[in-house]
Amino acid sequence: MNIPRLKELAIALEYQLLIHSKIDPEAVALHADLKPLLIQAKAGTLTNPLEVRDVPGRYRFTERNLQQYRDLENAFADFSIEARGGETPALKWLREQMK
């Protein structure tokens, strides 16, 4: 887990959440769900990788229609990946193949 990168990603995700909270109540709820993790990540105190289940809100994209906001979804995905320990070699390979 790259702590400085996690902090940057937390700031970027919070920015997207603030933007989308003005137009979608689901973004407000997602922000509330993630707030404790965002605070820890920005403070540099989130130092151990999380399990997938420990990053709340993923269902809000598929079940609550937040996937319509690509920039928010990407910011969430990037933060979630880093909070879980960063990209795996398989994910890095897949990203390279998609370029």
N, C-alpha and C. Protein backbone atom coordinates (compact mmCIF):
# COMPACT_ATOMS: atom_id res chain seq x y z
N MET A 1 0.86 -1.18 0.00
CA MET A 1 0.00 0.00 0.00
C MET A 1 0.90 1.23 0.00
N ASN A 2 0.62 2.13 -0.90
CA ASN A 2 1.38 3.36 -1.03
C ASN A 2 0.60 4.47 -0.29
N ILE A 3 1.06 4.82 0.90
CA ILE A 3 0.33 5.76 1.76
C ILE A 3 0.17 7.14 1.11
N PRO A 4 1.24 7.74 0.53
CA PRO A 4 1.05 9.04 -0.12
C PRO A 4 0.06 8.97 -1.29
N ARG A 5 0.11 7.89 -2.06
CA ARG A 5 -0.84 7.74 -3.18
C ARG A 5 -2.26 7.57 -2.64
N LEU A 6 -2.41 6.81 -1.57
CA LEU A 6 -3.73 6.62 -0.98
C LEU A 6 -4.31 7.96 -0.53
N LYS A 7 -3.47 8.80 0.05
CA LYS A 7 -3.91 10.13 0.48
C LYS A 7 -4.38 10.95 -0.73
N GLU A 8 -3.61 10.93 -1.81
CA GLU A 8 -4.00 11.66 -3.03
C GLU A 8 -5.33 11.14 -3.57
N LEU A 9 -5.47 9.82 -3.59
CA LEU A 9 -6.70 9.23 -4.11
C LEU A 9 -7.90 9.53 -3.21
N ALA A 10 -7.68 9.60 -1.91
CA ALA A 10 -8.76 9.96 -0.98
C ALA A 10 -9.23 11.39 -1.24
N ILE A 11 -8.28 12.28 -1.46
CA ILE A 11 -8.62 13.68 -1.76
C ILE A 11 -9.38 13.77 -3.07
N ALA A 12 -8.93 13.03 -4.08
CA ALA A 12 -9.60 13.04 -5.39
C ALA A 12 -11.01 12.46 -5.28
N LEU A 13 -11.16 11.39 -4.53
CA LEU A 13 -12.49 10.79 -4.36
C LEU A 13 -13.41 11.73 -3.59
N GLU A 14 -12.90 12.34 -2.55
CA GLU A 14 -13.73 13.27 -1.79
C GLU A 14 -14.18 14.45 -2.66
N TYR A 15 -13.31 14.92 -3.52
CA TYR A 15 -13.66 16.00 -4.45
C TYR A 15 -14.82 15.56 -5.35
N GLN A 16 -14.72 14.36 -5.91
CA GLN A 16 -15.80 13.86 -6.77
C GLN A 16 -17.09 13.67 -5.98
N LEU A 17 -16.97 13.21 -4.77
CA LEU A 17 -18.16 13.04 -3.92
C LEU A 17 -18.83 14.38 -3.64
N LEU A 18 -18.04 15.40 -3.39
CA LEU A 18 -18.61 16.73 -3.13
C LEU A 18 -19.33 17.26 -4.36
N ILE A 19 -18.75 17.08 -5.53
CA ILE A 19 -19.38 17.52 -6.77
C ILE A 19 -20.72 16.81 -6.98
N HIS A 20 -20.69 15.49 -6.87
CA HIS A 20 -21.89 14.71 -7.19
C HIS A 20 -22.93 14.73 -6.07
N SER A 21 -22.51 15.08 -4.87
CA SER A 21 -23.47 15.20 -3.77
C SER A 21 -24.45 16.34 -4.00
N LYS A 22 -24.07 17.29 -4.82
CA LYS A 22 -24.95 18.41 -5.13
C LYS A 22 -26.09 18.00 -6.05
N ILE A 23 -25.92 16.87 -6.76
CA ILE A 23 -26.93 16.47 -7.74
C ILE A 23 -27.56 15.11 -7.49
N ASP A 24 -26.98 14.32 -6.58
CA ASP A 24 -27.50 12.97 -6.38
C ASP A 24 -27.40 12.58 -4.90
N PRO A 25 -28.54 12.28 -4.27
CA PRO A 25 -28.52 11.91 -2.86
C PRO A 25 -27.74 10.61 -2.59
N GLU A 26 -27.60 9.76 -3.59
CA GLU A 26 -26.80 8.54 -3.41
C GLU A 26 -25.33 8.88 -3.19
N ALA A 27 -24.86 9.93 -3.83
CA ALA A 27 -23.48 10.37 -3.62
C ALA A 27 -23.30 10.89 -2.19
N VAL A 28 -24.33 11.53 -1.66
CA VAL A 28 -24.29 11.99 -0.26
C VAL A 28 -24.16 10.78 0.66
N ALA A 29 -24.95 9.75 0.39
CA ALA A 29 -24.91 8.54 1.21
C ALA A 29 -23.56 7.83 1.09
N LEU A 30 -23.02 7.77 -0.12
CA LEU A 30 -21.71 7.15 -0.32
C LEU A 30 -20.64 7.91 0.44
N HIS A 31 -20.71 9.23 0.39
CA HIS A 31 -19.75 10.05 1.12
C HIS A 31 -19.82 9.75 2.62
N ALA A 32 -21.02 9.64 3.14
CA ALA A 32 -21.18 9.32 4.56
C ALA A 32 -20.60 7.94 4.89
N ASP A 33 -20.83 6.98 4.00
CA ASP A 33 -20.29 5.63 4.20
C ASP A 33 -18.77 5.63 4.23
N LEU A 34 -18.16 6.41 3.35
CA LEU A 34 -16.71 6.40 3.18
C LEU A 34 -15.97 7.37 4.09
N LYS A 35 -16.69 8.28 4.72
CA LYS A 35 -16.03 9.35 5.47
C LYS A 35 -14.98 8.87 6.46
N PRO A 36 -15.25 7.84 7.28
CA PRO A 36 -14.20 7.40 8.22
C PRO A 36 -12.92 6.94 7.51
N LEU A 37 -13.07 6.21 6.41
CA LEU A 37 -11.89 5.76 5.66
C LEU A 37 -11.16 6.93 5.01
N LEU A 38 -11.91 7.88 4.48
CA LEU A 38 -11.29 9.04 3.83
C LEU A 38 -10.50 9.86 4.85
N ILE A 39 -11.04 10.01 6.03
CA ILE A 39 -10.34 10.75 7.09
C ILE A 39 -9.03 10.05 7.44
N GLN A 40 -9.10 8.73 7.62
CA GLN A 40 -7.89 7.97 7.94
C GLN A 40 -6.86 8.04 6.81
N ALA A 41 -7.32 7.89 5.58
CA ALA A 41 -6.40 7.91 4.44
C ALA A 41 -5.73 9.27 4.30
N LYS A 42 -6.49 10.35 4.48
CA LYS A 42 -5.91 11.69 4.36
C LYS A 42 -4.95 11.99 5.50
N ALA A 43 -5.17 11.39 6.65
CA ALA A 43 -4.28 11.60 7.80
C ALA A 43 -3.06 10.69 7.77
N GLY A 44 -3.07 9.72 6.85
CA GLY A 44 -1.95 8.78 6.77
C GLY A 44 -2.00 7.69 7.81
N THR A 45 -3.15 7.50 8.44
CA THR A 45 -3.26 6.49 9.49
C THR A 45 -3.88 5.18 9.00
N LEU A 46 -4.28 5.13 7.76
CA LEU A 46 -4.77 3.88 7.17
C LEU A 46 -3.55 3.19 6.57
N THR A 47 -2.95 2.30 7.32
CA THR A 47 -1.66 1.73 6.93
C THR A 47 -1.69 0.25 6.61
N ASN A 48 -2.77 -0.43 6.94
CA ASN A 48 -2.89 -1.86 6.63
C ASN A 48 -3.92 -2.05 5.53
N PRO A 49 -3.61 -2.89 4.54
CA PRO A 49 -4.57 -3.14 3.46
C PRO A 49 -5.90 -3.67 3.99
N LEU A 50 -6.96 -3.21 3.38
CA LEU A 50 -8.31 -3.63 3.75
C LEU A 50 -8.76 -4.79 2.89
N GLU A 51 -9.78 -5.48 3.35
CA GLU A 51 -10.45 -6.49 2.54
C GLU A 51 -11.50 -5.77 1.69
N VAL A 52 -11.92 -6.41 0.61
CA VAL A 52 -12.93 -5.83 -0.27
C VAL A 52 -14.16 -5.42 0.53
N ARG A 53 -14.58 -6.27 1.44
CA ARG A 53 -15.79 -6.00 2.23
C ARG A 53 -15.65 -4.79 3.15
N ASP A 54 -14.41 -4.37 3.41
CA ASP A 54 -14.17 -3.27 4.34
C ASP A 54 -14.22 -1.89 3.68
N VAL A 55 -14.37 -1.86 2.36
CA VAL A 55 -14.51 -0.58 1.64
C VAL A 55 -15.99 -0.47 1.27
N PRO A 56 -16.75 0.33 2.02
CA PRO A 56 -18.20 0.38 1.80
C PRO A 56 -18.60 1.12 0.53
N GLY A 57 -19.79 0.78 0.05
CA GLY A 57 -20.40 1.57 -0.99
C GLY A 57 -20.34 1.05 -2.40
N ARG A 58 -19.63 -0.04 -2.64
CA ARG A 58 -19.49 -0.54 -4.01
C ARG A 58 -20.86 -0.80 -4.65
N TYR A 59 -21.78 -1.31 -3.87
CA TYR A 59 -23.11 -1.63 -4.41
C TYR A 59 -23.84 -0.39 -4.91
N ARG A 60 -23.50 0.78 -4.41
CA ARG A 60 -24.20 1.99 -4.81
C ARG A 60 -24.00 2.31 -6.29
N PHE A 61 -22.92 1.81 -6.86
CA PHE A 61 -22.68 2.06 -8.28
C PHE A 61 -23.57 1.20 -9.16
N THR A 62 -23.73 -0.06 -8.82
CA THR A 62 -24.54 -0.94 -9.66
C THR A 62 -26.02 -0.95 -9.28
N GLU A 63 -26.30 -0.90 -7.99
CA GLU A 63 -27.68 -1.01 -7.54
C GLU A 63 -28.37 0.33 -7.36
N ARG A 64 -27.62 1.39 -7.22
CA ARG A 64 -28.21 2.70 -6.95
C ARG A 64 -27.88 3.72 -8.04
N ASN A 65 -27.34 3.22 -9.15
CA ASN A 65 -27.17 4.02 -10.37
C ASN A 65 -26.06 5.07 -10.32
N LEU A 66 -25.10 4.93 -9.42
CA LEU A 66 -23.99 5.89 -9.42
C LEU A 66 -23.00 5.63 -10.55
N GLN A 67 -23.12 4.49 -11.24
CA GLN A 67 -22.21 4.21 -12.34
C GLN A 67 -22.37 5.19 -13.50
N GLN A 68 -23.44 5.96 -13.48
CA GLN A 68 -23.62 6.96 -14.53
C GLN A 68 -22.59 8.09 -14.42
N TYR A 69 -21.93 8.21 -13.28
CA TYR A 69 -20.92 9.25 -13.07
C TYR A 69 -19.53 8.60 -13.18
N ARG A 70 -19.03 8.54 -14.39
CA ARG A 70 -17.78 7.82 -14.66
C ARG A 70 -16.62 8.34 -13.81
N ASP A 71 -16.51 9.66 -13.66
CA ASP A 71 -15.39 10.22 -12.89
C ASP A 71 -15.47 9.82 -11.42
N LEU A 72 -16.66 9.77 -10.87
CA LEU A 72 -16.84 9.32 -9.49
C LEU A 72 -16.53 7.83 -9.37
N GLU A 73 -17.02 7.05 -10.31
CA GLU A 73 -16.77 5.61 -10.29
C GLU A 73 -15.28 5.30 -10.40
N ASN A 74 -14.58 6.01 -11.27
CA ASN A 74 -13.14 5.79 -11.42
C ASN A 74 -12.38 6.20 -10.15
N ALA A 75 -12.77 7.31 -9.56
CA ALA A 75 -12.11 7.76 -8.32
C ALA A 75 -12.34 6.74 -7.20
N PHE A 76 -13.55 6.20 -7.12
CA PHE A 76 -13.86 5.18 -6.12
C PHE A 76 -13.03 3.93 -6.36
N ALA A 77 -12.97 3.49 -7.61
CA ALA A 77 -12.21 2.27 -7.94
C ALA A 77 -10.74 2.44 -7.61
N ASP A 78 -10.16 3.57 -7.99
CA ASP A 78 -8.74 3.81 -7.71
C ASP A 78 -8.47 3.81 -6.21
N PHE A 79 -9.32 4.49 -5.45
CA PHE A 79 -9.16 4.53 -4.00
C PHE A 79 -9.31 3.13 -3.40
N SER A 80 -10.33 2.42 -3.84
CA SER A 80 -10.59 1.09 -3.31
C SER A 80 -9.43 0.13 -3.58
N ILE A 81 -8.89 0.18 -4.78
CA ILE A 81 -7.75 -0.69 -5.13
C ILE A 81 -6.56 -0.38 -4.24
N GLU A 82 -6.24 0.88 -4.08
CA GLU A 82 -5.08 1.25 -3.26
C GLU A 82 -5.31 0.91 -1.79
N ALA A 83 -6.53 1.11 -1.31
CA ALA A 83 -6.85 0.79 0.09
C ALA A 83 -6.75 -0.70 0.36
N ARG A 84 -6.87 -1.50 -0.69
CA ARG A 84 -6.76 -2.96 -0.54
C ARG A 84 -5.35 -3.46 -0.81
N GLY A 85 -4.40 -2.54 -0.90
CA GLY A 85 -3.01 -2.94 -1.05
C GLY A 85 -2.40 -2.58 -2.39
N GLY A 86 -3.15 -1.94 -3.25
CA GLY A 86 -2.62 -1.54 -4.56
C GLY A 86 -2.91 -2.59 -5.62
N GLU A 87 -2.47 -2.27 -6.82
CA GLU A 87 -2.72 -3.16 -7.96
C GLU A 87 -1.95 -4.47 -7.82
N THR A 88 -2.63 -5.54 -8.13
CA THR A 88 -1.96 -6.84 -8.19
C THR A 88 -1.22 -6.93 -9.52
N PRO A 89 -0.27 -7.84 -9.64
CA PRO A 89 0.41 -8.00 -10.94
C PRO A 89 -0.57 -8.31 -12.07
N ALA A 90 -1.60 -9.09 -11.79
CA ALA A 90 -2.58 -9.41 -12.82
C ALA A 90 -3.34 -8.16 -13.27
N LEU A 91 -3.70 -7.30 -12.34
CA LEU A 91 -4.40 -6.07 -12.70
C LEU A 91 -3.50 -5.14 -13.49
N LYS A 92 -2.23 -5.05 -13.10
CA LYS A 92 -1.27 -4.22 -13.85
C LYS A 92 -1.15 -4.73 -15.27
N TRP A 93 -1.05 -6.05 -15.43
CA TRP A 93 -0.95 -6.63 -16.77
C TRP A 93 -2.20 -6.32 -17.58
N LEU A 94 -3.37 -6.46 -16.98
CA LEU A 94 -4.63 -6.19 -17.67
C LEU A 94 -4.71 -4.73 -18.11
N ARG A 95 -4.32 -3.81 -17.24
CA ARG A 95 -4.34 -2.39 -17.61
C ARG A 95 -3.42 -2.12 -18.80
N GLU A 96 -2.26 -2.74 -18.81
CA GLU A 96 -1.33 -2.57 -19.93
C GLU A 96 -1.93 -3.11 -21.22
N GLN A 97 -2.62 -4.21 -21.14
CA GLN A 97 -3.23 -4.82 -22.32
C GLN A 97 -4.37 -3.96 -22.87
N MET A 98 -5.01 -3.20 -22.01
CA MET A 98 -6.15 -2.39 -22.42
C MET A 98 -5.73 -1.06 -23.04
N LYS A 99 -4.45 -0.71 -22.94
CA LYS A 99 -3.98 0.57 -23.50
C LYS A 99 -3.92 0.52 -25.01
